Amino acid sequence: MINLSQIIITNPQVKSFKQLLEVVEQEAKHGTLHLQFDVKPDYRDTPRNWEFLIEAAFYRGQP
């Protein structure tokens, strides 16, 4: 399991919500099985339905 905050902290090059979605998808492709939403992403383009979008990106990356 990985926390969303851990993904954000370990990827300081990510500057937008769209980039975060790509990183989350890659994390799932590398074998992460569970993702916990422990923080709200603090990017200017973070939408209201951010949880749904992150979850969808995570499932897209699942093998």
PDB file of N, CA and C in Angstrom:
ATOM      1  N   MET A   1       0.856  -1.178   0.000  1.00  0.00           N
ATOM      2  CA  MET A   1       0.000   0.000   0.000  1.00  0.00           C
ATOM      3  C   MET A   1       0.898   1.235   0.000  1.00  0.00           C
ATOM      4  N   ILE A   2       0.426   2.264  -0.689  1.00  0.00           N
ATOM      5  CA  ILE A   2       1.152   3.525  -0.735  1.00  0.00           C
ATOM      6  C   ILE A   2       0.170   4.665  -0.474  1.00  0.00           C
ATOM      7  N   ASN A   3       0.632   5.658   0.244  1.00  0.00           N
ATOM      8  CA  ASN A   3      -0.179   6.851   0.493  1.00  0.00           C
ATOM      9  C   ASN A   3       0.018   7.839  -0.646  1.00  0.00           C
ATOM     10  N   LEU A   4      -1.005   8.582  -0.956  1.00  0.00           N
ATOM     11  CA  LEU A   4      -0.918   9.605  -1.985  1.00  0.00           C
ATOM     12  C   LEU A   4       0.150  10.630  -1.618  1.00  0.00           C
ATOM     13  N   SER A   5       0.266  10.963  -0.352  1.00  0.00           N
ATOM     14  CA  SER A   5       1.291  11.926   0.082  1.00  0.00           C
ATOM     15  C   SER A   5       2.690  11.420  -0.240  1.00  0.00           C
ATOM     16  N   GLN A   6       2.907  10.134  -0.128  1.00  0.00           N
ATOM     17  CA  GLN A   6       4.214   9.562  -0.431  1.00  0.00           C
ATOM     18  C   GLN A   6       4.529   9.706  -1.921  1.00  0.00           C
ATOM     19  N   ILE A   7       3.535   9.499  -2.774  1.00  0.00           N
ATOM     20  CA  ILE A   7       3.737   9.677  -4.218  1.00  0.00           C
ATOM     21  C   ILE A   7       4.091  11.128  -4.519  1.00  0.00           C
ATOM     22  N   ILE A   8       3.379  12.052  -3.898  1.00  0.00           N
ATOM     23  CA  ILE A   8       3.623  13.477  -4.135  1.00  0.00           C
ATOM     24  C   ILE A   8       5.023  13.874  -3.653  1.00  0.00           C
ATOM     25  N   ILE A   9       5.413  13.420  -2.487  1.00  0.00           N
ATOM     26  CA  ILE A   9       6.713  13.778  -1.911  1.00  0.00           C
ATOM     27  C   ILE A   9       7.868  13.202  -2.730  1.00  0.00           C
ATOM     28  N   THR A  10       7.719  11.977  -3.191  1.00  0.00           N
ATOM     29  CA  THR A  10       8.813  11.334  -3.922  1.00  0.00           C
ATOM     30  C   THR A  10       8.867  11.734  -5.396  1.00  0.00           C
ATOM     31  N   ASN A  11       7.951  12.575  -5.838  1.00  0.00           N
ATOM     32  CA  ASN A  11       7.930  13.043  -7.227  1.00  0.00           C
ATOM     33  C   ASN A  11       7.816  14.562  -7.274  1.00  0.00           C
ATOM     34  N   PRO A  12       8.856  15.260  -6.815  1.00  0.00           N
ATOM     35  CA  PRO A  12       8.781  16.728  -6.777  1.00  0.00           C
ATOM     36  C   PRO A  12       8.711  17.379  -8.150  1.00  0.00           C
ATOM     37  N   GLN A  13       9.015  16.632  -9.208  1.00  0.00           N
ATOM     38  CA  GLN A  13       8.930  17.168 -10.568  1.00  0.00           C
ATOM     39  C   GLN A  13       7.483  17.354 -11.022  1.00  0.00           C
ATOM     40  N   VAL A  14       6.550  16.735 -10.327  1.00  0.00           N
ATOM     41  CA  VAL A  14       5.128  16.841 -10.674  1.00  0.00           C
ATOM     42  C   VAL A  14       4.623  18.220 -10.260  1.00  0.00           C
ATOM     43  N   LYS A  15       4.112  18.962 -11.224  1.00  0.00           N
ATOM     44  CA  LYS A  15       3.661  20.334 -10.980  1.00  0.00           C
ATOM     45  C   LYS A  15       2.187  20.551 -11.285  1.00  0.00           C
ATOM     46  N   SER A  16       1.489  19.484 -11.705  1.00  0.00           N
ATOM     47  CA  SER A  16       0.069  19.629 -12.024  1.00  0.00           C
ATOM     48  C   SER A  16      -0.676  18.348 -11.682  1.00  0.00           C
ATOM     49  N   PHE A  17      -1.985  18.477 -11.567  1.00  0.00           N
ATOM     50  CA  PHE A  17      -2.823  17.315 -11.275  1.00  0.00           C
ATOM     51  C   PHE A  17      -2.739  16.297 -12.403  1.00  0.00           C
ATOM     52  N   LYS A  18      -2.692  16.780 -13.632  1.00  0.00           N
ATOM     53  CA  LYS A  18      -2.595  15.879 -14.791  1.00  0.00           C
ATOM     54  C   LYS A  18      -1.325  15.030 -14.704  1.00  0.00           C
ATOM     55  N   GLN A  19      -0.213  15.649 -14.342  1.00  0.00           N
ATOM     56  CA  GLN A  19       1.033  14.900 -14.184  1.00  0.00           C
ATOM     57  C   GLN A  19       0.926  13.896 -13.039  1.00  0.00           C
ATOM     58  N   LEU A  20       0.238  14.278 -11.980  1.00  0.00           N
ATOM     59  CA  LEU A  20       0.048  13.369 -10.853  1.00  0.00           C
ATOM     60  C   LEU A  20      -0.704  12.119 -11.292  1.00  0.00           C
ATOM     61  N   LEU A  21      -1.718  12.284 -12.126  1.00  0.00           N
ATOM     62  CA  LEU A  21      -2.474  11.130 -12.626  1.00  0.00           C
ATOM     63  C   LEU A  21      -1.560  10.160 -13.367  1.00  0.00           C
ATOM     64  N   GLU A  22      -0.647  10.694 -14.149  1.00  0.00           N
ATOM     65  CA  GLU A  22       0.296   9.844 -14.882  1.00  0.00           C
ATOM     66  C   GLU A  22       1.202   9.077 -13.929  1.00  0.00           C
ATOM     67  N   VAL A  23       1.666   9.732 -12.877  1.00  0.00           N
ATOM     68  CA  VAL A  23       2.531   9.080 -11.894  1.00  0.00           C
ATOM     69  C   VAL A  23       1.756   8.005 -11.129  1.00  0.00           C
ATOM     70  N   VAL A  24       0.524   8.287 -10.776  1.00  0.00           N
ATOM     71  CA  VAL A  24      -0.305   7.306 -10.069  1.00  0.00           C
ATOM     72  C   VAL A  24      -0.508   6.069 -10.944  1.00  0.00           C
ATOM     73  N   GLU A  25      -0.775   6.274 -12.215  1.00  0.00           N
ATOM     74  CA  GLU A  25      -0.954   5.143 -13.133  1.00  0.00           C
ATOM     75  C   GLU A  25       0.330   4.317 -13.229  1.00  0.00           C
ATOM     76  N   GLN A  26       1.469   4.984 -13.318  1.00  0.00           N
ATOM     77  CA  GLN A  26       2.753   4.280 -13.372  1.00  0.00           C
ATOM     78  C   GLN A  26       3.010   3.493 -12.087  1.00  0.00           C
ATOM     79  N   GLU A  27       2.640   4.064 -10.972  1.00  0.00           N
ATOM     80  CA  GLU A  27       2.812   3.390  -9.681  1.00  0.00           C
ATOM     81  C   GLU A  27       2.040   2.071  -9.679  1.00  0.00           C
ATOM     82  N   ALA A  28       0.834   2.079 -10.197  1.00  0.00           N
ATOM     83  CA  ALA A  28       0.032   0.852 -10.267  1.00  0.00           C
ATOM     84  C   ALA A  28       0.664  -0.155 -11.223  1.00  0.00           C
ATOM     85  N   LYS A  29       1.215   0.332 -12.331  1.00  0.00           N
ATOM     86  CA  LYS A  29       1.870  -0.567 -13.298  1.00  0.00           C
ATOM     87  C   LYS A  29       3.086  -1.247 -12.685  1.00  0.00           C
ATOM     88  N   HIS A  30       3.705  -0.613 -11.708  1.00  0.00           N
ATOM     89  CA  HIS A  30       4.885  -1.185 -11.060  1.00  0.00           C
ATOM     90  C   HIS A  30       4.534  -2.130  -9.914  1.00  0.00           C
ATOM     91  N   GLY A  31       3.254  -2.417  -9.731  1.00  0.00           N
ATOM     92  CA  GLY A  31       2.869  -3.438  -8.774  1.00  0.00           C
ATOM     93  C   GLY A  31       2.246  -2.984  -7.479  1.00  0.00           C
ATOM     94  N   THR A  32       2.051  -1.689  -7.287  1.00  0.00           N
ATOM     95  CA  THR A  32       1.377  -1.232  -6.074  1.00  0.00           C
ATOM     96  C   THR A  32      -0.071  -1.700  -6.105  1.00  0.00           C
ATOM     97  N   LEU A  33      -0.514  -2.335  -5.035  1.00  0.00           N
ATOM     98  CA  LEU A  33      -1.855  -2.920  -5.025  1.00  0.00           C
ATOM     99  C   LEU A  33      -2.919  -2.036  -4.392  1.00  0.00           C
ATOM    100  N   HIS A  34      -2.517  -1.163  -3.466  1.00  0.00           N
ATOM    101  CA  HIS A  34      -3.484  -0.324  -2.760  1.00  0.00           C
ATOM    102  C   HIS A  34      -2.971   1.109  -2.681  1.00  0.00           C
ATOM    103  N   LEU A  35      -3.894   2.034  -2.806  1.00  0.00           N
ATOM    104  CA  LEU A  35      -3.578   3.459  -2.713  1.00  0.00           C
ATOM    105  C   LEU A  35      -4.511   4.086  -1.696  1.00  0.00           C
ATOM    106  N   GLN A  36      -3.939   4.816  -0.764  1.00  0.00           N
ATOM    107  CA  GLN A  36      -4.734   5.477   0.267  1.00  0.00           C
ATOM    108  C   GLN A  36      -4.693   6.987   0.053  1.00  0.00           C
ATOM    109  N   PHE A  37      -5.854   7.620   0.098  1.00  0.00           N
ATOM    110  CA  PHE A  37      -5.957   9.071  -0.059  1.00  0.00           C
ATOM    111  C   PHE A  37      -5.812   9.726   1.310  1.00  0.00           C
ATOM    112  N   ASP A  38      -4.596  10.086   1.666  1.00  0.00           N
ATOM    113  CA  ASP A  38      -4.365  10.696   2.970  1.00  0.00           C
ATOM    114  C   ASP A  38      -4.255  12.216   2.902  1.00  0.00           C
ATOM    115  N   VAL A  39      -4.138  12.770   1.697  1.00  0.00           N
ATOM    116  CA  VAL A  39      -4.096  14.217   1.502  1.00  0.00           C
ATOM    117  C   VAL A  39      -4.829  14.575   0.212  1.00  0.00           C
ATOM    118  N   LYS A  40      -5.240  15.827   0.127  1.00  0.00           N
ATOM    119  CA  LYS A  40      -5.805  16.341  -1.123  1.00  0.00           C
ATOM    120  C   LYS A  40      -4.646  16.971  -1.893  1.00  0.00           C
ATOM    121  N   PRO A  41      -4.471  16.630  -3.175  1.00  0.00           N
ATOM    122  CA  PRO A  41      -3.393  17.241  -3.954  1.00  0.00           C
ATOM    123  C   PRO A  41      -3.567  18.756  -4.027  1.00  0.00           C
ATOM    124  N   ASP A  42      -2.482  19.468  -3.820  1.00  0.00           N
ATOM    125  CA  ASP A  42      -2.538  20.927  -3.771  1.00  0.00           C
ATOM    126  C   ASP A  42      -1.970  21.543  -5.054  1.00  0.00           C
ATOM    127  N   TYR A  43      -2.619  21.230  -6.175  1.00  0.00           N
ATOM    128  CA  TYR A  43      -2.227  21.791  -7.468  1.00  0.00           C
ATOM    129  C   TYR A  43      -3.339  22.725  -7.927  1.00  0.00           C
ATOM    130  N   ARG A  44      -2.967  23.720  -8.701  1.00  0.00           N
ATOM    131  CA  ARG A  44      -3.962  24.698  -9.174  1.00  0.00           C
ATOM    132  C   ARG A  44      -5.078  24.044  -9.977  1.00  0.00           C
ATOM    133  N   ASP A  45      -4.746  22.971 -10.690  1.00  0.00           N
ATOM    134  CA  ASP A  45      -5.736  22.349 -11.573  1.00  0.00           C
ATOM    135  C   ASP A  45      -6.432  21.141 -10.937  1.00  0.00           C
ATOM    136  N   THR A  46      -6.339  20.978  -9.625  1.00  0.00           N
ATOM    137  CA  THR A  46      -7.007  19.860  -8.952  1.00  0.00           C
ATOM    138  C   THR A  46      -8.526  20.082  -8.987  1.00  0.00           C
ATOM    139  N   PRO A  47      -9.260  19.165  -9.632  1.00  0.00           N
ATOM    140  CA  PRO A  47     -10.714  19.327  -9.742  1.00  0.00           C
ATOM    141  C   PRO A  47     -11.439  18.855  -8.478  1.00  0.00           C
ATOM    142  N   ARG A  48     -12.707  19.151  -8.428  1.00  0.00           N
ATOM    143  CA  ARG A  48     -13.515  18.734  -7.263  1.00  0.00           C
ATOM    144  C   ARG A  48     -13.600  17.218  -7.132  1.00  0.00           C
ATOM    145  N   ASN A  49     -13.644  16.527  -8.261  1.00  0.00           N
ATOM    146  CA  ASN A  49     -13.778  15.070  -8.231  1.00  0.00           C
ATOM    147  C   ASN A  49     -12.404  14.387  -8.290  1.00  0.00           C
ATOM    148  N   TRP A  50     -11.413  14.978  -7.629  1.00  0.00           N
ATOM    149  CA  TRP A  50     -10.043  14.490  -7.696  1.00  0.00           C
ATOM    150  C   TRP A  50      -9.905  13.046  -7.222  1.00  0.00           C
ATOM    151  N   GLU A  51     -10.666  12.643  -6.217  1.00  0.00           N
ATOM    152  CA  GLU A  51     -10.560  11.270  -5.709  1.00  0.00           C
ATOM    153  C   GLU A  51     -10.951  10.257  -6.775  1.00  0.00           C
ATOM    154  N   PHE A  52     -12.057  10.532  -7.458  1.00  0.00           N
ATOM    155  CA  PHE A  52     -12.524   9.645  -8.521  1.00  0.00           C
ATOM    156  C   PHE A  52     -11.484   9.536  -9.634  1.00  0.00           C
ATOM    157  N   LEU A  53     -10.904  10.657 -10.035  1.00  0.00           N
ATOM    158  CA  LEU A  53      -9.934  10.667 -11.129  1.00  0.00           C
ATOM    159  C   LEU A  53      -8.648   9.937 -10.760  1.00  0.00           C
ATOM    160  N   ILE A  54      -8.198  10.097  -9.526  1.00  0.00           N
ATOM    161  CA  ILE A  54      -6.995   9.383  -9.087  1.00  0.00           C
ATOM    162  C   ILE A  54      -7.273   7.891  -9.014  1.00  0.00           C
ATOM    163  N   GLU A  55      -8.420   7.534  -8.496  1.00  0.00           N
ATOM    164  CA  GLU A  55      -8.784   6.118  -8.428  1.00  0.00           C
ATOM    165  C   GLU A  55      -8.853   5.506  -9.818  1.00  0.00           C
ATOM    166  N   ALA A  56      -9.441   6.227 -10.767  1.00  0.00           N
ATOM    167  CA  ALA A  56      -9.536   5.731 -12.148  1.00  0.00           C
ATOM    168  C   ALA A  56      -8.143   5.561 -12.761  1.00  0.00           C
ATOM    169  N   ALA A  57      -7.252   6.500 -12.533  1.00  0.00           N
ATOM    170  CA  ALA A  57      -5.880   6.394 -13.053  1.00  0.00           C
ATOM    171  C   ALA A  57      -5.169   5.195 -12.434  1.00  0.00           C
ATOM    172  N   PHE A  58      -5.393   4.975 -11.159  1.00  0.00           N
ATOM    173  CA  PHE A  58      -4.768   3.842 -10.477  1.00  0.00           C
ATOM    174  C   PHE A  58      -5.246   2.519 -11.074  1.00  0.00           C
ATOM    175  N   TYR A  59      -6.543   2.410 -11.320  1.00  0.00           N
ATOM    176  CA  TYR A  59      -7.082   1.175 -11.884  1.00  0.00           C
ATOM    177  C   TYR A  59      -6.685   0.970 -13.345  1.00  0.00           C
ATOM    178  N   ARG A  60      -6.479   2.048 -14.080  1.00  0.00           N
ATOM    179  CA  ARG A  60      -5.991   1.940 -15.462  1.00  0.00           C
ATOM    180  C   ARG A  60      -4.599   1.311 -15.483  1.00  0.00           C
ATOM    181  N   GLY A  61      -3.817   1.585 -14.473  1.00  0.00           N
ATOM    182  CA  GLY A  61      -2.461   1.055 -14.416  1.00  0.00           C
ATOM    183  C   GLY A  61      -2.358  -0.363 -13.899  1.00  0.00           C
ATOM    184  N   GLN A  62      -3.412  -0.893 -13.354  1.00  0.00           N
ATOM    185  CA  GLN A  62      -3.382  -2.254 -12.819  1.00  0.00           C
ATOM    186  C   GLN A  62      -3.252  -3.264 -13.961  1.00  0.00           C
ATOM    187  N   PRO A  63      -2.369  -4.262 -13.763  1.00  0.00           N
ATOM    188  CA  PRO A  63      -2.208  -5.291 -14.815  1.00  0.00           C
ATOM    189  C   PRO A  63      -3.407  -6.191 -14.938  1.00  0.00           C
TER     190      PRO A  63
END
